[in-house]
C-alpha cells in the first residue's frame, strides 16, 4: 500500500506526482493491468511456458555471439 503525506508548503499537484511515482515503483499499475481481465489457469501456464522458451532462446543467442 502506498502512503503519501502532503508536506508543509507542498502543493497537491506535487503530492499527486509523488503518489504516481510511488505507484510506479511498487508496480501497482502493472498489477492492475495484469488483473484487469480473467485468464484461465491453462492460458497462464501456456504463457509461462512460452516466456521460458523465449528466455532460453535469448540466452542461447547471447552465448553463441560471445563464443566466436
N, C-alpha and C. Protein backbone atom coordinates (compact mmCIF):
# COMPACT_ATOMS: atom_id res chain seq x y z
N UNK A 1 0.84 -1.17 0.00
CA UNK A 1 0.00 0.00 0.00
C UNK A 1 0.89 1.24 0.00
N UNK A 2 0.52 2.20 -0.79
CA UNK A 2 1.29 3.43 -0.92
C UNK A 2 0.66 4.51 -0.07
N UNK A 3 1.47 5.12 0.78
CA UNK A 3 1.02 6.24 1.60
C UNK A 3 1.85 7.46 1.24
N UNK A 4 1.18 8.56 0.94
CA UNK A 4 1.88 9.81 0.65
C UNK A 4 1.24 10.89 1.50
N UNK A 5 2.04 11.47 2.36
CA UNK A 5 1.55 12.56 3.20
C UNK A 5 1.98 13.88 2.57
N UNK A 6 1.06 14.81 2.52
CA UNK A 6 1.35 16.13 1.95
C UNK A 6 2.23 16.88 2.94
N UNK A 7 3.40 17.29 2.47
CA UNK A 7 4.34 18.01 3.32
C UNK A 7 3.93 19.47 3.43
N UNK A 8 4.48 20.14 4.44
CA UNK A 8 4.18 21.56 4.59
C UNK A 8 4.76 22.32 3.42
N UNK A 9 3.97 23.21 2.85
CA UNK A 9 4.43 24.01 1.73
C UNK A 9 4.39 23.27 0.40
N UNK A 10 3.92 22.03 0.40
CA UNK A 10 3.86 21.24 -0.83
C UNK A 10 2.46 21.36 -1.42
N UNK A 11 2.40 21.57 -2.72
CA UNK A 11 1.08 21.67 -3.35
C UNK A 11 0.49 20.28 -3.55
N UNK A 12 -0.79 20.26 -3.78
CA UNK A 12 -1.49 18.99 -4.02
C UNK A 12 -0.95 18.33 -5.29
N UNK A 13 -0.63 19.13 -6.31
CA UNK A 13 -0.11 18.59 -7.56
C UNK A 13 1.21 17.84 -7.34
N UNK A 14 2.08 18.42 -6.51
CA UNK A 14 3.36 17.76 -6.21
C UNK A 14 3.13 16.46 -5.46
N UNK A 15 2.19 16.46 -4.53
CA UNK A 15 1.88 15.25 -3.77
C UNK A 15 1.32 14.17 -4.70
N UNK A 16 0.49 14.57 -5.65
CA UNK A 16 -0.07 13.62 -6.61
C UNK A 16 1.04 13.03 -7.47
N UNK A 17 2.00 13.88 -7.90
CA UNK A 17 3.14 13.38 -8.68
C UNK A 17 3.95 12.37 -7.88
N UNK A 18 4.17 12.67 -6.59
CA UNK A 18 4.90 11.73 -5.73
C UNK A 18 4.14 10.42 -5.58
N UNK A 19 2.82 10.52 -5.45
CA UNK A 19 1.98 9.33 -5.34
C UNK A 19 2.09 8.48 -6.60
N UNK A 20 2.02 9.11 -7.77
CA UNK A 20 2.12 8.37 -9.03
C UNK A 20 3.47 7.68 -9.14
N UNK A 21 4.53 8.39 -8.74
CA UNK A 21 5.88 7.81 -8.78
C UNK A 21 5.99 6.59 -7.88
N UNK A 22 5.43 6.69 -6.68
CA UNK A 22 5.46 5.57 -5.74
C UNK A 22 4.67 4.38 -6.28
N UNK A 23 3.53 4.65 -6.90
CA UNK A 23 2.73 3.58 -7.50
C UNK A 23 3.53 2.88 -8.60
N UNK A 24 4.23 3.64 -9.41
CA UNK A 24 5.05 3.07 -10.48
C UNK A 24 6.17 2.22 -9.90
N UNK A 25 6.84 2.72 -8.88
CA UNK A 25 7.94 1.97 -8.26
C UNK A 25 7.46 0.65 -7.67
N UNK A 26 6.28 0.65 -7.10
CA UNK A 26 5.75 -0.55 -6.46
C UNK A 26 5.08 -1.50 -7.45
N UNK A 27 4.94 -1.10 -8.70
CA UNK A 27 4.36 -1.97 -9.72
C UNK A 27 2.85 -2.11 -9.61
N UNK A 28 2.21 -1.14 -9.01
CA UNK A 28 0.76 -1.22 -8.81
C UNK A 28 0.01 -1.16 -10.13
N UNK A 29 0.43 -0.27 -11.03
CA UNK A 29 -0.27 -0.14 -12.31
C UNK A 29 -0.11 -1.41 -13.15
N UNK A 30 1.07 -2.02 -13.12
CA UNK A 30 1.27 -3.27 -13.85
C UNK A 30 0.36 -4.36 -13.31
N UNK A 31 0.23 -4.40 -12.00
CA UNK A 31 -0.62 -5.41 -11.36
C UNK A 31 -2.09 -5.19 -11.74
N UNK A 32 -2.51 -3.94 -11.79
CA UNK A 32 -3.90 -3.63 -12.18
C UNK A 32 -4.15 -4.07 -13.61
N UNK A 33 -3.23 -3.76 -14.51
CA UNK A 33 -3.39 -4.16 -15.91
C UNK A 33 -3.40 -5.68 -16.05
N UNK A 34 -2.56 -6.34 -15.25
CA UNK A 34 -2.48 -7.80 -15.31
C UNK A 34 -3.79 -8.43 -14.85
N UNK A 35 -4.43 -7.84 -13.86
CA UNK A 35 -5.65 -8.41 -13.28
C UNK A 35 -6.93 -7.86 -13.90
N UNK A 36 -6.80 -7.01 -14.91
CA UNK A 36 -7.98 -6.38 -15.49
C UNK A 36 -8.94 -7.41 -16.07
N UNK A 37 -8.40 -8.43 -16.72
CA UNK A 37 -9.23 -9.47 -17.33
C UNK A 37 -8.82 -10.82 -16.76
N UNK A 38 -9.79 -11.68 -16.60
CA UNK A 38 -9.51 -13.02 -16.07
C UNK A 38 -8.80 -13.85 -17.12
N UNK A 39 -7.79 -14.59 -16.68
CA UNK A 39 -7.11 -15.54 -17.56
C UNK A 39 -7.23 -16.91 -16.91
N UNK A 40 -7.66 -17.87 -17.71
CA UNK A 40 -7.80 -19.22 -17.21
C UNK A 40 -6.42 -19.78 -16.83
N UNK A 41 -6.37 -20.68 -15.88
CA UNK A 41 -5.09 -21.27 -15.48
C UNK A 41 -4.33 -21.91 -16.64
N UNK A 42 -5.06 -22.50 -17.58
CA UNK A 42 -4.39 -23.12 -18.73
C UNK A 42 -3.69 -22.07 -19.59
N UNK A 43 -4.30 -20.91 -19.73
CA UNK A 43 -3.69 -19.82 -20.51
C UNK A 43 -2.45 -19.30 -19.79
N UNK A 44 -2.55 -19.15 -18.48
CA UNK A 44 -1.40 -18.70 -17.70
C UNK A 44 -0.23 -19.67 -17.84
N UNK A 45 -0.54 -20.96 -17.81
CA UNK A 45 0.51 -21.98 -17.95
C UNK A 45 1.17 -21.89 -19.33
N UNK A 46 0.37 -21.73 -20.38
CA UNK A 46 0.92 -21.61 -21.73
C UNK A 46 1.80 -20.38 -21.86
N UNK A 47 1.36 -19.26 -21.29
CA UNK A 47 2.15 -18.04 -21.35
C UNK A 47 3.47 -18.20 -20.60
N UNK A 48 3.42 -18.87 -19.47
CA UNK A 48 4.63 -19.08 -18.67
C UNK A 48 5.62 -19.96 -19.44
N UNK A 49 5.12 -21.01 -20.09
CA UNK A 49 5.99 -21.88 -20.88
C UNK A 49 6.59 -21.13 -22.07
N UNK A 50 5.78 -20.32 -22.73
CA UNK A 50 6.27 -19.54 -23.88
C UNK A 50 7.35 -18.56 -23.44
N UNK A 51 7.16 -17.93 -22.30
CA UNK A 51 8.16 -16.99 -21.78
C UNK A 51 9.46 -17.73 -21.44
N UNK A 52 9.35 -18.91 -20.86
CA UNK A 52 10.54 -19.70 -20.54
C UNK A 52 11.30 -20.07 -21.81
N UNK A 53 10.56 -20.44 -22.86
CA UNK A 53 11.21 -20.78 -24.14
C UNK A 53 11.93 -19.56 -24.72
N UNK A 54 11.27 -18.40 -24.67
CA UNK A 54 11.90 -17.17 -25.18
C UNK A 54 13.17 -16.85 -24.40
N UNK A 55 13.11 -17.04 -23.09
CA UNK A 55 14.26 -16.75 -22.24
C UNK A 55 15.44 -17.66 -22.58
N UNK A 56 15.15 -18.94 -22.77
CA UNK A 56 16.20 -19.90 -23.14
C UNK A 56 16.79 -19.54 -24.50
N UNK A 57 15.92 -19.20 -25.44
CA UNK A 57 16.37 -18.83 -26.80
C UNK A 57 17.27 -17.60 -26.75
N UNK A 58 16.88 -16.58 -26.00
CA UNK A 58 17.70 -15.37 -25.87
C UNK A 58 19.06 -15.70 -25.27
N UNK A 59 19.07 -16.56 -24.25
CA UNK A 59 20.32 -16.93 -23.60
C UNK A 59 21.23 -17.67 -24.59
N UNK A 60 20.65 -18.57 -25.39
CA UNK A 60 21.44 -19.31 -26.37
C UNK A 60 22.02 -18.36 -27.42
N UNK A 61 21.22 -17.41 -27.89
CA UNK A 61 21.71 -16.45 -28.87
C UNK A 61 22.82 -15.59 -28.29
N UNK A 62 22.65 -15.16 -27.06
CA UNK A 62 23.66 -14.34 -26.40
C UNK A 62 24.95 -15.13 -26.23
N UNK A 63 24.84 -16.39 -25.80
CA UNK A 63 26.02 -17.22 -25.60
C UNK A 63 26.73 -17.51 -26.92
N UNK A 64 25.95 -17.71 -27.99
CA UNK A 64 26.56 -18.02 -29.29
C UNK A 64 27.31 -16.82 -29.85
N UNK A 65 26.86 -15.62 -29.55
CA UNK A 65 27.57 -14.42 -30.01
C UNK A 65 28.92 -14.28 -29.33
N UNK A 66 28.99 -14.62 -28.06
CA UNK A 66 30.23 -14.46 -27.31
C UNK A 66 31.19 -15.63 -27.52
N UNK A 67 30.69 -16.75 -28.05
CA UNK A 67 31.53 -17.94 -28.23
C UNK A 67 32.49 -17.79 -29.41
N UNK A 68 32.21 -16.88 -30.33
CA UNK A 68 33.04 -16.74 -31.54
C UNK A 68 34.39 -16.19 -31.26
